[in-house]
Amino acid sequence: MSFKVFISHAHADQQLVSEFFRLLAYGMGVKTPDIFCTSSSGQGVKIGERFTEEIHKQLVNCDLSIALISPHYYQSTFCMCELGAIWGGAKRFIPILMPPLDYSDMKAVISGIQAVKADNRSDLDVLFDQIRPSLIDPISTAGWNREVNRFVCILPSLYRNPAGAVKRKRGEVFLDEYSYNVANAFSRLILRERDEQQPTEKYKPDIFLIVFDIDRMNQINTRHGVKVGDAILDNISSAIEKDIENYIEGGRCGDDTFFLIICGDDNDALNHGERILEFIRNTPKTLIDKDVWVTASAGICKFVPRCSIRAWKSRAHLAMLKARENGGNRCVIGAPPIPLAEPLEYSWGS
């Protein structure tokens, strides 16, 4: 029998909710169809259903109710009503305190309940240990460590925003997330060295940034329509999310630009890049009934200690441009950035 989770949250905290949803699904192994969350597409109230009745039905039938308690949550009348319903009808209930709230900020029916602080790694580990035995196919400890490290690192960039979310525009570059991910990668490598008790000089995997930019995206939109173009891009985004076990971080960072951060050597980075390019080429065959030729240009760059994140991204972008100048549909490994040097000016994505 599947393990069903109900997430109670404020609508204003959508980005926080999205990251916590990812932590449950990719960090713990809760199946996405078993997570009821009204802010996640396809995971909330279905079209044609009565909202309040469906909320009550899901709440009664779930195995665990989680309330993401934030300042916005306390300000929402609906959330307060939902919290009362959870208190009276949930089989099991865990409040998660979102920064900047502390235990002393717990009010109403949750006052005195043992809660989890979202920015406390030890609390999150305890949460994982409690939920894991109930899951049919839980994520490995290594997978949990990767996702929880990412969640804790990215959390400050979310709650510092007065609206409780990072507003992302099409084509926008996310410098902070890259910084978090790189720092995260190094911390995990240090822990791995310690756990495996291997001397540092014998274990030095490199960290690579791979940038993918879809070739001739404007032509695809013009010839086949924007809906076809968006479907292709969304499918690539979904594939990167599903392939999460094979890299440190990845996602979409522009209109038609994607990135991956992986550990390994030059061959690992090149093989991973070629594998993604092959998937991109095959995307139209599995997605749409149209004769669309889709390729991408990929730039690969190794991270160098003491280089700036902007310089690292710049070098990867220049390698991607070189791949495009050579006809696209290929990967190019660029020169690593120079430590402490100022990055070249560039335009991310095209």
Protein backbone atom coordinates (compact mmCIF):
# COMPACT_ATOMS: atom_id res chain seq x y z
CA MET A 1 0.00 0.00 0.00
CA SER A 2 1.32 3.46 -0.92
CA PHE A 3 2.21 6.11 1.66
CA LYS A 4 0.08 9.23 1.11
CA VAL A 5 1.16 12.69 2.28
CA PHE A 6 -0.99 15.82 2.58
CA ILE A 7 0.86 19.19 2.47
CA SER A 8 -0.94 22.12 4.06
CA HIS A 9 0.60 25.47 3.09
CA ALA A 10 0.00 29.11 2.27
CA HIS A 11 -0.47 30.01 -1.38
CA ALA A 12 2.09 32.82 -0.99
CA ASP A 13 4.81 30.25 -0.17
CA GLN A 14 4.64 28.45 -3.52
CA GLN A 15 8.41 28.33 -4.14
CA LEU A 16 9.08 27.06 -0.62
CA VAL A 17 6.39 24.43 -1.15
CA SER A 18 7.89 23.41 -4.50
CA GLU A 19 11.29 22.82 -2.91
CA PHE A 20 9.78 20.83 -0.04
CA PHE A 21 7.75 18.78 -2.53
CA ARG A 22 11.01 17.95 -4.31
CA LEU A 23 12.59 16.96 -0.99
CA LEU A 24 9.76 14.48 -0.31
CA ALA A 25 9.76 13.01 -3.82
CA TYR A 26 13.43 12.98 -4.81
CA GLY A 27 15.02 13.02 -1.37
CA MET A 28 12.84 10.49 0.45
CA GLY A 29 11.08 8.50 -2.26
CA VAL A 30 7.43 9.43 -1.67
CA LYS A 31 5.69 8.79 -4.99
CA THR A 32 4.52 12.06 -6.54
CA PRO A 33 0.93 10.80 -7.16
CA ASP A 34 0.75 10.11 -3.42
CA ILE A 35 1.53 13.72 -2.46
CA PHE A 36 -1.52 15.99 -2.27
CA CYS A 37 -0.41 19.60 -2.71
CA THR A 38 -2.63 22.28 -4.22
CA SER A 39 0.35 24.39 -5.40
CA SER A 40 1.85 21.60 -7.52
CA SER A 41 0.44 21.00 -10.99
CA GLY A 42 -1.56 17.79 -11.10
CA GLN A 43 -1.16 17.16 -7.37
CA GLY A 44 -4.10 19.16 -6.05
CA VAL A 45 -7.85 19.37 -6.53
CA LYS A 46 -8.85 17.94 -9.92
CA ILE A 47 -11.01 19.86 -12.37
CA GLY A 48 -14.69 19.43 -11.57
CA GLU A 49 -14.16 18.52 -7.91
CA ARG A 50 -15.51 20.66 -5.07
CA PHE A 51 -12.51 22.27 -3.42
CA THR A 52 -13.37 21.99 0.27
CA GLU A 53 -14.85 18.50 -0.07
CA GLU A 54 -11.77 17.22 -1.91
CA ILE A 55 -9.45 18.78 0.68
CA HIS A 56 -11.35 17.02 3.48
CA LYS A 57 -11.35 13.67 1.61
CA GLN A 58 -7.62 13.81 0.95
CA LEU A 59 -6.91 14.82 4.52
CA VAL A 60 -8.87 11.92 5.99
CA ASN A 61 -7.32 9.35 3.64
CA CYS A 62 -3.68 10.45 3.93
CA ASP A 63 -1.15 8.68 6.16
CA LEU A 64 0.74 11.84 7.11
CA SER A 65 -0.31 15.50 7.19
CA ILE A 66 2.45 18.10 7.02
CA ALA A 67 1.83 21.80 7.63
CA LEU A 68 4.49 24.19 6.33
CA ILE A 69 4.18 26.86 9.00
CA SER A 70 5.35 30.30 7.86
CA PRO A 71 4.33 33.92 8.55
CA HIS A 72 2.06 33.68 5.51
CA TYR A 73 0.47 30.52 6.90
CA TYR A 74 -0.61 32.33 10.08
CA GLN A 75 -2.01 35.20 8.01
CA SER A 76 -4.24 32.89 5.93
CA THR A 77 -7.76 32.28 7.24
CA PHE A 78 -8.08 29.18 5.05
CA CYS A 79 -4.81 27.78 6.42
CA MET A 80 -6.04 28.27 9.98
CA CYS A 81 -9.25 26.39 9.14
CA GLU A 82 -7.23 23.67 7.43
CA LEU A 83 -4.97 23.42 10.47
CA GLY A 84 -8.03 22.87 12.67
CA ALA A 85 -9.24 20.13 10.34
CA ILE A 86 -5.82 18.46 10.47
CA TRP A 87 -5.82 18.62 14.24
CA GLY A 88 -9.20 16.93 14.39
CA GLY A 89 -8.92 14.40 11.56
CA ALA A 90 -5.32 13.60 10.60
CA LYS A 91 -3.92 10.15 11.36
CA ARG A 92 -0.47 11.63 11.88
CA PHE A 93 0.60 15.26 11.89
CA ILE A 94 4.02 16.97 11.70
CA PRO A 95 4.39 20.77 11.59
CA ILE A 96 7.42 22.08 9.67
CA LEU A 97 8.60 25.51 10.80
CA MET A 98 9.78 27.63 7.88
CA PRO A 99 12.40 30.34 8.54
CA PRO A 100 12.43 32.77 10.16
CA LEU A 101 9.93 31.13 12.56
CA ASP A 102 11.21 29.36 15.67
CA TYR A 103 9.62 27.00 18.21
CA SER A 104 8.51 30.00 20.26
CA ASP A 105 6.38 31.15 17.29
CA MET A 106 4.15 28.07 17.35
CA LYS A 107 0.57 29.20 17.97
CA ALA A 108 -2.97 27.86 18.12
CA VAL A 109 -3.42 24.07 18.08
CA ILE A 110 0.24 23.36 17.22
CA SER A 111 1.51 24.98 20.40
CA GLY A 112 3.50 22.37 22.31
CA ILE A 113 3.68 19.85 19.41
CA GLN A 114 7.12 18.53 18.54
CA ALA A 115 7.96 20.25 15.26
CA VAL A 116 10.69 20.15 12.62
CA LYS A 117 12.69 23.24 11.66
CA ALA A 118 13.17 23.37 7.90
CA ASP A 119 16.61 24.97 8.22
CA ASN A 120 17.89 22.41 10.73
CA ARG A 121 19.66 19.50 9.01
CA SER A 122 19.40 17.26 12.10
CA ASP A 123 15.63 17.80 12.29
CA LEU A 124 15.25 16.89 8.62
CA ASP A 125 17.33 13.73 9.10
CA VAL A 126 14.99 12.67 11.92
CA LEU A 127 12.01 13.34 9.63
CA PHE A 128 13.57 11.12 6.94
CA ASP A 129 14.22 8.35 9.46
CA GLN A 130 10.58 8.46 10.62
CA ILE A 131 9.07 8.41 7.12
CA ARG A 132 11.48 5.98 5.44
CA PRO A 133 10.15 2.74 7.04
CA SER A 134 6.68 3.49 5.61
CA LEU A 135 7.88 3.81 2.01
CA ILE A 136 7.82 0.94 -0.47
CA ASP A 137 10.89 2.14 -2.39
CA PRO A 138 12.75 4.76 -0.33
CA ILE A 139 15.64 6.76 -1.73
CA SER A 140 19.15 5.71 -0.71
CA THR A 141 20.95 7.58 2.05
CA ALA A 142 23.26 9.08 -0.58
CA GLY A 143 20.26 10.37 -2.52
CA TRP A 144 18.75 11.82 0.64
CA ASN A 145 22.02 13.56 1.57
CA ARG A 146 22.24 15.20 -1.84
CA GLU A 147 18.67 16.50 -1.78
CA VAL A 148 18.61 17.64 1.85
CA ASN A 149 21.90 19.50 1.40
CA ARG A 150 20.44 21.24 -1.61
CA PHE A 151 17.25 22.10 0.28
CA VAL A 152 19.06 23.58 3.31
CA CYS A 153 21.42 25.58 1.07
CA ILE A 154 18.73 27.05 -1.16
CA LEU A 155 16.31 27.82 1.68
CA PRO A 156 17.78 31.23 2.66
CA SER A 157 17.34 32.55 -0.89
CA LEU A 158 13.63 31.74 -0.64
CA TYR A 159 12.60 33.12 2.73
CA ARG A 160 14.63 36.34 2.38
CA ASN A 161 12.26 37.30 -0.40
CA PRO A 162 9.41 39.26 1.25
CA ALA A 163 6.88 37.41 -0.90
CA GLY A 164 8.28 34.06 0.20
CA ALA A 165 9.34 33.10 -3.30
CA VAL A 166 12.04 33.66 -5.87
CA LYS A 167 10.38 35.24 -8.86
CA ARG A 168 12.03 33.82 -11.97
CA LYS A 169 11.67 35.45 -15.36
CA ARG A 170 12.22 33.71 -18.67
CA GLY A 171 15.90 33.89 -19.56
CA GLU A 172 16.98 34.95 -16.07
CA VAL A 173 20.28 33.64 -14.69
CA PHE A 174 20.38 32.30 -11.12
CA LEU A 175 23.81 33.12 -9.72
CA ASP A 176 22.96 32.28 -6.10
CA GLU A 177 21.79 28.75 -6.85
CA TYR A 178 25.02 27.97 -8.68
CA SER A 179 27.01 29.22 -5.71
CA TYR A 180 24.99 27.05 -3.33
CA ASN A 181 25.35 24.01 -5.57
CA VAL A 182 29.12 24.35 -5.93
CA ALA A 183 29.61 24.80 -2.20
CA ASN A 184 27.32 21.84 -1.65
CA ALA A 185 29.28 19.70 -4.09
CA PHE A 186 32.57 20.36 -2.32
CA SER A 187 31.10 19.69 1.11
CA ARG A 188 29.76 16.33 -0.09
CA LEU A 189 33.13 15.41 -1.60
CA ILE A 190 34.85 16.20 1.68
CA LEU A 191 32.36 14.03 3.58
CA ARG A 192 32.82 11.22 1.07
CA GLU A 193 36.60 11.37 1.47
CA ARG A 194 36.21 11.19 5.23
CA ASP A 195 33.72 8.32 5.12
CA GLU A 196 35.83 6.31 2.70
CA GLN A 197 38.99 7.16 4.67
CA GLN A 198 40.92 7.83 1.51
CA PRO A 199 43.79 10.32 1.41
CA THR A 200 42.84 13.54 -0.32
CA GLU A 201 45.58 13.19 -2.95
CA LYS A 202 44.15 9.79 -4.01
CA TYR A 203 40.59 11.00 -4.37
CA LYS A 204 40.06 14.23 -6.24
CA PRO A 205 37.05 14.03 -8.55
CA ASP A 206 36.53 17.22 -10.49
CA ILE A 207 33.30 19.19 -10.76
CA PHE A 208 32.00 20.08 -14.21
CA LEU A 209 29.35 22.48 -15.44
CA ILE A 210 27.59 21.37 -18.65
CA VAL A 211 25.47 23.94 -20.49
CA PHE A 212 22.97 22.85 -23.16
CA ASP A 213 21.38 25.37 -25.51
CA ILE A 214 18.76 24.19 -28.03
CA ASP A 215 19.79 24.88 -31.63
CA ARG A 216 17.44 26.89 -33.87
CA MET A 217 14.73 27.19 -31.20
CA ASN A 218 13.24 30.26 -32.85
CA GLN A 219 12.89 28.35 -36.13
CA ILE A 220 11.13 25.47 -34.34
CA ASN A 221 8.65 27.91 -32.76
CA THR A 222 8.06 29.68 -36.07
CA ARG A 223 7.60 26.54 -38.15
CA HIS A 224 5.77 24.26 -35.71
CA GLY A 225 4.27 26.66 -33.19
CA VAL A 226 5.12 27.81 -29.68
CA LYS A 227 3.10 24.97 -28.10
CA VAL A 228 5.32 22.39 -29.79
CA GLY A 229 8.43 24.30 -28.72
CA ASP A 230 7.26 24.55 -25.12
CA ALA A 231 6.36 20.84 -25.07
CA ILE A 232 9.89 19.97 -26.19
CA LEU A 233 11.49 22.19 -23.55
CA ASP A 234 9.20 20.90 -20.78
CA ASN A 235 10.02 17.30 -21.71
CA ILE A 236 13.75 18.00 -21.50
CA SER A 237 13.25 19.64 -18.08
CA SER A 238 11.32 16.59 -16.85
CA ALA A 239 14.03 14.24 -18.11
CA ILE A 240 16.71 16.16 -16.24
CA GLU A 241 14.66 15.96 -13.04
CA LYS A 242 14.14 12.20 -13.44
CA ASP A 243 17.87 11.66 -14.06
CA ILE A 244 18.76 13.32 -10.77
CA GLU A 245 20.69 10.32 -9.39
CA ASN A 246 23.40 10.85 -12.02
CA TYR A 247 24.40 14.42 -11.21
CA ILE A 248 24.72 16.93 -8.38
CA GLU A 249 22.33 19.55 -9.70
CA GLY A 250 20.60 20.49 -12.90
CA GLY A 251 17.69 22.32 -14.43
CA ARG A 252 16.56 25.04 -16.77
CA CYS A 253 18.34 28.40 -16.62
CA GLY A 254 16.92 30.30 -19.58
CA ASP A 255 14.32 30.19 -22.34
CA ASP A 256 15.97 27.22 -24.06
CA THR A 257 19.07 26.67 -21.93
CA PHE A 258 19.72 23.88 -19.42
CA PHE A 259 22.58 23.03 -17.09
CA LEU A 260 24.03 20.10 -15.18
CA ILE A 261 26.70 19.97 -12.48
CA ILE A 262 28.43 16.60 -12.23
CA CYS A 263 31.44 14.96 -10.54
CA GLY A 264 34.04 12.88 -12.34
CA ASP A 265 36.68 13.40 -15.01
CA ASP A 266 36.70 14.76 -18.57
CA ASN A 267 35.40 11.48 -20.01
CA ASP A 268 32.54 11.32 -17.48
CA ALA A 269 31.49 14.88 -18.36
CA LEU A 270 31.74 14.24 -22.11
CA ASN A 271 29.82 10.95 -21.90
CA HIS A 272 27.09 12.58 -19.81
CA GLY A 273 26.85 15.48 -22.23
CA GLU A 274 26.58 13.15 -25.23
CA ARG A 275 23.89 11.11 -23.46
CA ILE A 276 21.76 14.24 -22.90
CA LEU A 277 22.27 15.33 -26.52
CA GLU A 278 21.04 11.91 -27.67
CA PHE A 279 17.93 12.29 -25.53
CA ILE A 280 17.29 15.77 -26.97
CA ARG A 281 17.57 14.39 -30.51
CA ASN A 282 15.01 11.69 -29.71
CA THR A 283 12.57 13.97 -27.85
CA PRO A 284 10.20 14.68 -30.80
CA LYS A 285 9.90 10.95 -31.58
CA THR A 286 8.40 10.20 -28.17
CA LEU A 287 6.56 13.46 -27.57
CA ILE A 288 4.80 14.81 -30.65
CA ASP A 289 3.55 13.52 -33.97
CA LYS A 290 5.53 15.97 -36.06
CA ASP A 291 8.71 15.81 -38.10
CA VAL A 292 10.82 18.10 -35.92
CA TRP A 293 14.61 17.98 -35.91
CA VAL A 294 15.84 19.03 -32.44
CA THR A 295 19.51 19.30 -31.51
CA ALA A 296 21.52 21.18 -28.91
CA SER A 297 24.99 22.64 -28.48
CA ALA A 298 26.75 21.77 -25.22
CA GLY A 299 29.64 23.46 -23.46
CA ILE A 300 31.59 21.73 -20.69
CA CYS A 301 33.88 23.42 -18.18
CA LYS A 302 35.76 22.14 -15.12
CA PHE A 303 35.57 24.09 -11.88
CA VAL A 304 38.88 25.46 -10.62
CA PRO A 305 39.41 26.30 -6.93
CA ARG A 306 39.36 30.05 -6.22
CA CYS A 307 37.72 30.88 -9.54
CA SER A 308 34.49 32.87 -9.47
CA ILE A 309 31.18 31.23 -10.30
CA ARG A 310 30.61 33.82 -13.02
CA ALA A 311 33.97 32.96 -14.62
CA TRP A 312 33.09 29.25 -14.53
CA LYS A 313 29.73 29.89 -16.19
CA SER A 314 31.33 32.21 -18.74
CA ARG A 315 33.82 29.54 -19.85
CA ALA A 316 31.08 26.93 -20.16
CA HIS A 317 29.00 29.36 -22.21
CA LEU A 318 31.91 30.13 -24.54
CA ALA A 319 32.46 26.39 -25.06
CA MET A 320 28.79 26.06 -25.93
CA LEU A 321 29.10 28.87 -28.49
CA LYS A 322 32.10 27.09 -30.03
CA ALA A 323 30.00 23.92 -30.34
CA ARG A 324 27.31 25.93 -32.13
CA GLU A 325 29.84 27.60 -34.45
CA ASN A 326 31.00 24.10 -35.44
CA GLY A 327 27.48 23.17 -36.53
CA GLY A 328 25.79 22.37 -33.21
CA ASN A 329 24.58 18.92 -32.14
CA ARG A 330 27.83 18.32 -30.27
CA CYS A 331 29.73 18.82 -26.99
CA VAL A 332 32.86 20.94 -26.60
CA ILE A 333 35.08 20.97 -23.51
CA GLY A 334 36.23 24.51 -22.82
CA ALA A 335 39.32 25.82 -21.09
CA PRO A 336 38.92 26.04 -17.31
CA PRO A 337 38.69 29.52 -15.76
CA ILE A 338 41.76 31.20 -14.31
CA PRO A 339 41.72 31.42 -10.48
CA LEU A 340 40.94 34.90 -9.13
CA ALA A 341 40.59 36.31 -12.67
CA GLU A 342 37.69 38.51 -13.69
CA PRO A 343 35.16 36.69 -15.93
CA LEU A 344 34.55 37.64 -19.52
CA GLU A 345 31.30 39.37 -20.29
CA TYR A 346 28.72 37.07 -21.84
CA SER A 347 25.02 36.67 -22.45
CA TRP A 348 23.60 33.51 -20.91
CA GLY A 349 21.40 31.62 -23.34
CA SER A 350 20.45 32.66 -26.84
